[in-house]
Amino acid sequence: MKLSVIIPALDDRALLAASLPLVLAEAELLSSEWELIVVDDTGTGALEGWLKAEFPSIQCHVRAANGGFAAASLSGAEQARGEILCVLNPDVCVQPGFFAPLLERLESSEVFAVAPLVMREGELTDESLPRLEQEDGSVVIRRRGSVEAGVTAPEYEDGYPVAFALGGAFCVRREEFVAQAGFDPLFEPFYFEDVDLCWSAWRAGRRVVVDPRAIAEHSNRGTIGANVPEK
């Protein structure tokens, strides 16, 4: 199966300079074909020249206007040629052995999406094994438990079932993602579109899992905060 890695980005050069070499190193270990596409969602083509100079093996898809995470992810998926998509945020640094476990999980038709174990400074986050709860009329994300990084427990050999796969680090079949037009634009410009996508998959009888053998460090240092008011 050919893998297409999609990274939607604003003018995130410092983040990309840290994360792209790690993605490339892991992709080069694969025995199958792969491609890496950075989606320039700046609306100005700010990343195209820089990427060509610094990372000539990486494709850059330039959007004519900034559309937000959902639109940029779908644009990348439509450009991709792989059977499997791996969508990553620029502030996600993949760890050794990242891709193989995720691709293995998608060999099962029951699995709609798979995510890595998500860490922050080496500690589990709520994004690691997410579940949904209601608090004061709002849906909130909580971690469903704990797990040892790099190890799959016998009772979860098929992956740990989770409410959703983090939109900033997950794998899905390209055909299925594109067929439903990616993330629902209802959630633009960002947040909870990944919850909606995966919750719909569960309702349709599919599975969404985390494989702790694949690990990603999520720094939460994206550029949204610099461009959008906190409220």
C-alpha atoms as a PDB file:
ATOM      1  CA  MET A   1       0.000   0.000   0.000  1.00  0.00           C
ATOM      2  CA  LYS A   2       1.364   3.408  -0.955  1.00  0.00           C
ATOM      3  CA  LEU A   3       1.366   5.908   1.900  1.00  0.00           C
ATOM      4  CA  SER A   4       0.631   9.595   1.438  1.00  0.00           C
ATOM      5  CA  VAL A   5       1.647  11.798   4.359  1.00  0.00           C
ATOM      6  CA  ILE A   6      -0.307  15.071   4.400  1.00  0.00           C
ATOM      7  CA  ILE A   7       0.792  18.042   6.515  1.00  0.00           C
ATOM      8  CA  PRO A   8      -1.523  21.080   6.380  1.00  0.00           C
ATOM      9  CA  ALA A   9       0.501  24.138   7.397  1.00  0.00           C
ATOM     10  CA  LEU A  10       0.502  27.877   7.786  1.00  0.00           C
ATOM     11  CA  ASP A  11       3.863  29.644   7.765  1.00  0.00           C
ATOM     12  CA  ASP A  12       5.211  27.096  10.274  1.00  0.00           C
ATOM     13  CA  ARG A  13       8.859  26.983   9.183  1.00  0.00           C
ATOM     14  CA  ALA A  14      10.402  26.436  12.606  1.00  0.00           C
ATOM     15  CA  LEU A  15       7.955  23.623  13.375  1.00  0.00           C
ATOM     16  CA  LEU A  16       8.386  22.049   9.943  1.00  0.00           C
ATOM     17  CA  ALA A  17      12.170  22.266  10.160  1.00  0.00           C
ATOM     18  CA  ALA A  18      11.964  20.142  13.315  1.00  0.00           C
ATOM     19  CA  SER A  19       9.277  17.667  12.251  1.00  0.00           C
ATOM     20  CA  LEU A  20       9.891  17.040   8.533  1.00  0.00           C
ATOM     21  CA  PRO A  21      13.308  15.329   8.855  1.00  0.00           C
ATOM     22  CA  LEU A  22      11.787  12.853  11.325  1.00  0.00           C
ATOM     23  CA  VAL A  23       8.881  12.058   8.995  1.00  0.00           C
ATOM     24  CA  LEU A  24      11.227  11.609   6.048  1.00  0.00           C
ATOM     25  CA  ALA A  25      13.552   9.333   8.014  1.00  0.00           C
ATOM     26  CA  GLU A  26      10.670   7.076   9.072  1.00  0.00           C
ATOM     27  CA  ALA A  27       9.100   7.008   5.600  1.00  0.00           C
ATOM     28  CA  GLU A  28      12.395   5.939   4.057  1.00  0.00           C
ATOM     29  CA  LEU A  29      12.339   2.821   6.247  1.00  0.00           C
ATOM     30  CA  LEU A  30       9.123   1.617   4.604  1.00  0.00           C
ATOM     31  CA  SER A  31       9.296  -1.164   2.062  1.00  0.00           C
ATOM     32  CA  SER A  32       6.311   0.299   0.191  1.00  0.00           C
ATOM     33  CA  GLU A  33       6.000   3.504  -1.832  1.00  0.00           C
ATOM     34  CA  TRP A  34       5.308   6.808  -0.105  1.00  0.00           C
ATOM     35  CA  GLU A  35       4.975  10.520  -0.722  1.00  0.00           C
ATOM     36  CA  LEU A  36       5.002  13.557   1.537  1.00  0.00           C
ATOM     37  CA  ILE A  37       2.810  16.547   0.729  1.00  0.00           C
ATOM     38  CA  VAL A  38       2.855  19.807   2.650  1.00  0.00           C
ATOM     39  CA  VAL A  39      -0.329  21.783   2.030  1.00  0.00           C
ATOM     40  CA  ASP A  40       0.533  25.499   2.066  1.00  0.00           C
ATOM     41  CA  ASP A  41      -2.630  27.022   3.524  1.00  0.00           C
ATOM     42  CA  THR A  42      -1.204  30.515   3.930  1.00  0.00           C
ATOM     43  CA  GLY A  43      -3.039  31.778   0.861  1.00  0.00           C
ATOM     44  CA  THR A  44       0.192  33.473  -0.246  1.00  0.00           C
ATOM     45  CA  GLY A  45       2.403  30.531  -1.224  1.00  0.00           C
ATOM     46  CA  ALA A  46       4.783  31.426   1.598  1.00  0.00           C
ATOM     47  CA  LEU A  47       6.108  27.889   2.024  1.00  0.00           C
ATOM     48  CA  GLU A  48       6.642  26.813  -1.573  1.00  0.00           C
ATOM     49  CA  GLY A  49      10.078  28.329  -2.199  1.00  0.00           C
ATOM     50  CA  TRP A  50      11.381  27.478   1.252  1.00  0.00           C
ATOM     51  CA  LEU A  51      10.333  23.840   0.958  1.00  0.00           C
ATOM     52  CA  LYS A  52      11.863  23.517  -2.507  1.00  0.00           C
ATOM     53  CA  ALA A  53      15.174  24.811  -1.174  1.00  0.00           C
ATOM     54  CA  GLU A  54      15.245  22.952   2.157  1.00  0.00           C
ATOM     55  CA  PHE A  55      13.340  19.739   1.371  1.00  0.00           C
ATOM     56  CA  PRO A  56      13.367  19.154  -2.415  1.00  0.00           C
ATOM     57  CA  SER A  57      11.876  15.637  -2.106  1.00  0.00           C
ATOM     58  CA  ILE A  58       8.701  17.015  -0.544  1.00  0.00           C
ATOM     59  CA  GLN A  59       5.728  18.068  -2.654  1.00  0.00           C
ATOM     60  CA  CYS A  60       4.092  21.395  -1.870  1.00  0.00           C
ATOM     61  CA  HIS A  61       0.440  21.925  -2.694  1.00  0.00           C
ATOM     62  CA  VAL A  62      -0.370  25.627  -2.576  1.00  0.00           C
ATOM     63  CA  ARG A  63      -3.931  26.683  -1.825  1.00  0.00           C
ATOM     64  CA  ALA A  64      -5.093  29.928  -3.399  1.00  0.00           C
ATOM     65  CA  ALA A  65      -6.670  31.061  -0.139  1.00  0.00           C
ATOM     66  CA  ASN A  66      -6.453  30.101   3.508  1.00  0.00           C
ATOM     67  CA  GLY A  67      -9.272  27.674   4.264  1.00  0.00           C
ATOM     68  CA  GLY A  68      -8.423  26.208   7.647  1.00  0.00           C
ATOM     69  CA  PHE A  69      -7.466  22.727   8.768  1.00  0.00           C
ATOM     70  CA  ALA A  70     -10.416  20.792   7.306  1.00  0.00           C
ATOM     71  CA  ALA A  71     -10.189  22.353   3.838  1.00  0.00           C
ATOM     72  CA  ALA A  72      -6.406  22.015   3.725  1.00  0.00           C
ATOM     73  CA  SER A  73      -6.563  18.354   4.761  1.00  0.00           C
ATOM     74  CA  LEU A  74      -9.089  17.572   2.042  1.00  0.00           C
ATOM     75  CA  SER A  75      -7.019  19.440  -0.564  1.00  0.00           C
ATOM     76  CA  GLY A  76      -4.015  17.339   0.344  1.00  0.00           C
ATOM     77  CA  ALA A  77      -6.035  14.135   0.226  1.00  0.00           C
ATOM     78  CA  GLU A  78      -7.347  14.994  -3.225  1.00  0.00           C
ATOM     79  CA  GLN A  79      -3.783  15.573  -4.464  1.00  0.00           C
ATOM     80  CA  ALA A  80      -2.477  12.371  -2.879  1.00  0.00           C
ATOM     81  CA  ARG A  81      -1.951   9.124  -4.779  1.00  0.00           C
ATOM     82  CA  GLY A  82      -1.571   6.701  -1.901  1.00  0.00           C
ATOM     83  CA  GLU A  83      -4.152   4.224  -0.667  1.00  0.00           C
ATOM     84  CA  ILE A  84      -3.458   5.299   2.919  1.00  0.00           C
ATOM     85  CA  LEU A  85      -3.364   8.862   4.233  1.00  0.00           C
ATOM     86  CA  CYS A  86      -1.440   9.927   7.290  1.00  0.00           C
ATOM     87  CA  VAL A  87      -2.441  13.432   8.349  1.00  0.00           C
ATOM     88  CA  LEU A  88       0.045  15.198  10.622  1.00  0.00           C
ATOM     89  CA  ASN A  89       0.217  18.628  12.200  1.00  0.00           C
ATOM     90  CA  PRO A  90       3.461  20.593  11.787  1.00  0.00           C
ATOM     91  CA  ASP A  91       4.009  20.464  15.573  1.00  0.00           C
ATOM     92  CA  VAL A  92       3.888  16.648  15.693  1.00  0.00           C
ATOM     93  CA  CYS A  93       7.261  14.885  15.837  1.00  0.00           C
ATOM     94  CA  VAL A  94       7.051  11.194  14.988  1.00  0.00           C
ATOM     95  CA  GLN A  95       9.183   8.724  16.930  1.00  0.00           C
ATOM     96  CA  PRO A  96      11.136   5.692  15.618  1.00  0.00           C
ATOM     97  CA  GLY A  97       8.992   2.877  14.241  1.00  0.00           C
ATOM     98  CA  PHE A  98       6.048   5.206  13.637  1.00  0.00           C
ATOM     99  CA  PHE A  99       4.429   4.113  10.378  1.00  0.00           C
ATOM    100  CA  ALA A 100       4.546   0.299  10.352  1.00  0.00           C
ATOM    101  CA  PRO A 101       2.092  -0.319  13.252  1.00  0.00           C
ATOM    102  CA  LEU A 102      -0.413   2.169  11.869  1.00  0.00           C
ATOM    103  CA  LEU A 103      -0.367   0.610   8.404  1.00  0.00           C
ATOM    104  CA  GLU A 104      -0.721  -2.840   9.967  1.00  0.00           C
ATOM    105  CA  ARG A 105      -3.918  -1.806  11.761  1.00  0.00           C
ATOM    106  CA  LEU A 106      -5.500  -0.625   8.509  1.00  0.00           C
ATOM    107  CA  GLU A 107      -5.090  -4.075   6.998  1.00  0.00           C
ATOM    108  CA  SER A 108      -8.317  -4.861   8.880  1.00  0.00           C
ATOM    109  CA  SER A 109     -11.437  -3.602   7.083  1.00  0.00           C
ATOM    110  CA  GLU A 110     -13.109  -3.141  10.476  1.00  0.00           C
ATOM    111  CA  VAL A 111     -10.726  -0.301  11.347  1.00  0.00           C
ATOM    112  CA  PHE A 112     -11.707   3.086   9.948  1.00  0.00           C
ATOM    113  CA  ALA A 113      -8.880   5.131  11.470  1.00  0.00           C
ATOM    114  CA  VAL A 114      -5.829   4.545  13.637  1.00  0.00           C
ATOM    115  CA  ALA A 115      -3.758   6.966  15.676  1.00  0.00           C
ATOM    116  CA  PRO A 116      -0.457   6.783  17.523  1.00  0.00           C
ATOM    117  CA  LEU A 117       0.018   7.231  21.234  1.00  0.00           C
ATOM    118  CA  VAL A 118       0.303  11.001  21.642  1.00  0.00           C
ATOM    119  CA  MET A 119       2.768  12.325  24.177  1.00  0.00           C
ATOM    120  CA  ARG A 120       3.775  15.745  25.431  1.00  0.00           C
ATOM    121  CA  GLU A 121       7.256  15.993  26.879  1.00  0.00           C
ATOM    122  CA  GLY A 122       7.203  12.240  27.342  1.00  0.00           C
ATOM    123  CA  GLU A 123       3.917  12.147  29.275  1.00  0.00           C
ATOM    124  CA  LEU A 124       0.544  10.788  28.147  1.00  0.00           C
ATOM    125  CA  THR A 125      -1.970  13.444  27.120  1.00  0.00           C
ATOM    126  CA  ASP A 126      -5.774  13.425  26.928  1.00  0.00           C
ATOM    127  CA  GLU A 127      -5.211  12.907  23.200  1.00  0.00           C
ATOM    128  CA  SER A 128      -3.445   9.588  23.924  1.00  0.00           C
ATOM    129  CA  LEU A 129      -6.513   7.451  24.676  1.00  0.00           C
ATOM    130  CA  PRO A 130      -9.423   9.865  24.314  1.00  0.00           C
ATOM    131  CA  ARG A 131     -12.960   9.313  25.514  1.00  0.00           C
ATOM    132  CA  LEU A 132     -15.863  11.767  25.532  1.00  0.00           C
ATOM    133  CA  GLU A 133     -17.731  12.937  28.623  1.00  0.00           C
ATOM    134  CA  GLN A 134     -20.417  15.506  29.289  1.00  0.00           C
ATOM    135  CA  GLU A 135     -19.717  18.230  31.817  1.00  0.00           C
ATOM    136  CA  ASP A 136     -22.093  21.128  32.422  1.00  0.00           C
ATOM    137  CA  GLY A 137     -23.777  20.599  29.070  1.00  0.00           C
ATOM    138  CA  SER A 138     -20.539  20.492  27.087  1.00  0.00           C
ATOM    139  CA  VAL A 139     -18.664  17.590  25.535  1.00  0.00           C
ATOM    140  CA  VAL A 140     -15.137  17.318  26.924  1.00  0.00           C
ATOM    141  CA  ILE A 141     -12.220  15.021  26.135  1.00  0.00           C
ATOM    142  CA  ARG A 142     -10.688  12.870  28.859  1.00  0.00           C
ATOM    143  CA  ARG A 143      -8.062  10.130  28.787  1.00  0.00           C
ATOM    144  CA  ARG A 144      -9.710   6.716  29.155  1.00  0.00           C
ATOM    145  CA  GLY A 145      -6.828   5.155  31.046  1.00  0.00           C
ATOM    146  CA  SER A 146      -3.117   4.549  30.871  1.00  0.00           C
ATOM    147  CA  VAL A 147      -0.887   2.408  28.703  1.00  0.00           C
ATOM    148  CA  GLU A 148       2.808   1.661  28.394  1.00  0.00           C
ATOM    149  CA  ALA A 149       4.310   3.367  25.394  1.00  0.00           C
ATOM    150  CA  GLY A 150       5.547   0.931  22.771  1.00  0.00           C
ATOM    151  CA  VAL A 151       3.636  -2.038  24.183  1.00  0.00           C
ATOM    152  CA  THR A 152       0.266  -3.552  23.216  1.00  0.00           C
ATOM    153  CA  ALA A 153      -1.456  -5.408  26.056  1.00  0.00           C
ATOM    154  CA  PRO A 154      -2.740  -8.948  25.227  1.00  0.00           C
ATOM    155  CA  GLU A 155      -6.364  -7.891  25.636  1.00  0.00           C
ATOM    156  CA  TYR A 156      -5.836  -5.071  23.130  1.00  0.00           C
ATOM    157  CA  GLU A 157      -3.837  -6.809  20.426  1.00  0.00           C
ATOM    158  CA  ASP A 158      -6.125  -5.198  17.821  1.00  0.00           C
ATOM    159  CA  GLY A 159      -5.489  -1.718  19.205  1.00  0.00           C
ATOM    160  CA  TYR A 160      -7.063   0.324  21.988  1.00  0.00           C
ATOM    161  CA  PRO A 161     -10.589   1.487  21.054  1.00  0.00           C
ATOM    162  CA  VAL A 162     -10.900   5.261  21.400  1.00  0.00           C
ATOM    163  CA  ALA A 163     -13.616   7.829  20.772  1.00  0.00           C
ATOM    164  CA  PHE A 164     -11.609   9.441  18.001  1.00  0.00           C
ATOM    165  CA  ALA A 165      -8.216   9.596  16.326  1.00  0.00           C
ATOM    166  CA  LEU A 166      -6.491  12.936  16.827  1.00  0.00           C
ATOM    167  CA  GLY A 167      -6.834  14.935  13.609  1.00  0.00           C
ATOM    168  CA  GLY A 168      -3.246  16.068  13.896  1.00  0.00           C
ATOM    169  CA  ALA A 169      -1.852  12.525  13.841  1.00  0.00           C
ATOM    170  CA  PHE A 170      -3.917   9.738  12.305  1.00  0.00           C
ATOM    171  CA  CYS A 171      -4.137   7.332   9.373  1.00  0.00           C
ATOM    172  CA  VAL A 172      -7.188   6.534   7.264  1.00  0.00           C
ATOM    173  CA  ARG A 173      -7.920   5.092   3.831  1.00  0.00           C
ATOM    174  CA  ARG A 174      -7.744   7.859   1.267  1.00  0.00           C
ATOM    175  CA  GLU A 175     -10.742   6.602  -0.717  1.00  0.00           C
ATOM    176  CA  GLU A 176     -12.990   6.678   2.343  1.00  0.00           C
ATOM    177  CA  PHE A 177     -11.789  10.084   3.513  1.00  0.00           C
ATOM    178  CA  VAL A 178     -12.280  11.709   0.108  1.00  0.00           C
ATOM    179  CA  ALA A 179     -15.625   9.959  -0.511  1.00  0.00           C
ATOM    180  CA  GLN A 180     -17.154  11.752   2.455  1.00  0.00           C
ATOM    181  CA  ALA A 181     -15.383  15.034   1.626  1.00  0.00           C
ATOM    182  CA  GLY A 182     -13.046  14.815   4.598  1.00  0.00           C
ATOM    183  CA  PHE A 183     -13.968  16.678   7.741  1.00  0.00           C
ATOM    184  CA  ASP A 184     -17.386  18.308   8.062  1.00  0.00           C
ATOM    185  CA  PRO A 185     -17.108  22.078   7.319  1.00  0.00           C
ATOM    186  CA  LEU A 186     -19.571  22.648  10.175  1.00  0.00           C
ATOM    187  CA  PHE A 187     -16.532  22.683  12.474  1.00  0.00           C
ATOM    188  CA  GLU A 188     -14.468  25.234  10.546  1.00  0.00           C
ATOM    189  CA  PRO A 189     -12.024  26.745  11.139  1.00  0.00           C
ATOM    190  CA  PHE A 190     -10.825  24.000  13.565  1.00  0.00           C
ATOM    191  CA  TYR A 191     -11.461  21.619  16.490  1.00  0.00           C
ATOM    192  CA  PHE A 192     -13.846  18.673  16.987  1.00  0.00           C
ATOM    193  CA  GLU A 193     -13.959  17.815  13.272  1.00  0.00           C
ATOM    194  CA  ASP A 194     -11.876  14.722  14.114  1.00  0.00           C
ATOM    195  CA  VAL A 195     -14.292  13.757  16.896  1.00  0.00           C
ATOM    196  CA  ASP A 196     -17.228  14.034  14.491  1.00  0.00           C
ATOM    197  CA  LEU A 197     -15.506  12.012  11.745  1.00  0.00           C
ATOM    198  CA  CYS A 198     -14.599   9.120  14.012  1.00  0.00           C
ATOM    199  CA  TRP A 199     -17.819   9.138  16.022  1.00  0.00           C
ATOM    200  CA  SER A 200     -19.679   8.727  12.717  1.00  0.00           C
ATOM    201  CA  ALA A 201     -17.445   5.750  11.916  1.00  0.00           C
ATOM    202  CA  TRP A 202     -18.298   4.086  15.245  1.00  0.00           C
ATOM    203  CA  ARG A 203     -22.016   4.628  14.573  1.00  0.00           C
ATOM    204  CA  ALA A 204     -21.550   2.892  11.211  1.00  0.00           C
ATOM    205  CA  GLY A 205     -20.044  -0.182  12.891  1.00  0.00           C
ATOM    206  CA  ARG A 206     -16.375   0.612  12.207  1.00  0.00           C
ATOM    207  CA  ARG A 207     -13.547   0.861  14.735  1.00  0.00           C
ATOM    208  CA  VAL A 208     -11.164   3.668  15.663  1.00  0.00           C
ATOM    209  CA  VAL A 209      -8.076   2.603  17.572  1.00  0.00           C
ATOM    210  CA  VAL A 210      -4.758   3.736  19.006  1.00  0.00           C
ATOM    211  CA  ASP A 211      -1.665   1.603  18.557  1.00  0.00           C
ATOM    212  CA  PRO A 212       0.847   2.410  21.345  1.00  0.00           C
ATOM    213  CA  ARG A 213       3.701   0.972  19.279  1.00  0.00           C
ATOM    214  CA  ALA A 214       3.472   4.164  17.204  1.00  0.00           C
ATOM    215  CA  ILE A 215       4.384   7.236  19.239  1.00  0.00           C
ATOM    216  CA  ALA A 216       4.201  10.934  18.424  1.00  0.00           C
ATOM    217  CA  GLU A 217       5.276  13.938  20.448  1.00  0.00           C
ATOM    218  CA  HIS A 218       2.734  16.763  20.133  1.00  0.00           C
ATOM    219  CA  SER A 219       4.160  20.075  21.241  1.00  0.00           C
ATOM    220  CA  ASN A 220       0.934  22.102  20.805  1.00  0.00           C
ATOM    221  CA  ARG A 221       3.026  24.937  19.405  1.00  0.00           C
ATOM    222  CA  GLY A 222       0.957  25.536  16.281  1.00  0.00           C
ATOM    223  CA  THR A 223       0.272  28.942  14.781  1.00  0.00           C
ATOM    224  CA  ILE A 224      -3.487  29.101  15.425  1.00  0.00           C
ATOM    225  CA  GLY A 225      -2.991  31.127  18.593  1.00  0.00           C
ATOM    226  CA  ALA A 226      -1.054  33.767  16.714  1.00  0.00           C
ATOM    227  CA  ASN A 227      -3.793  34.193  14.107  1.00  0.00           C
ATOM    228  CA  VAL A 228      -7.091  33.648  15.942  1.00  0.00           C
ATOM    229  CA  PRO A 229      -8.328  35.248  19.186  1.00  0.00           C
ATOM    230  CA  GLU A 230      -8.458  32.826  22.126  1.00  0.00           C
ATOM    231  CA  LYS A 231     -12.234  33.048  22.549  1.00  0.00           C
END
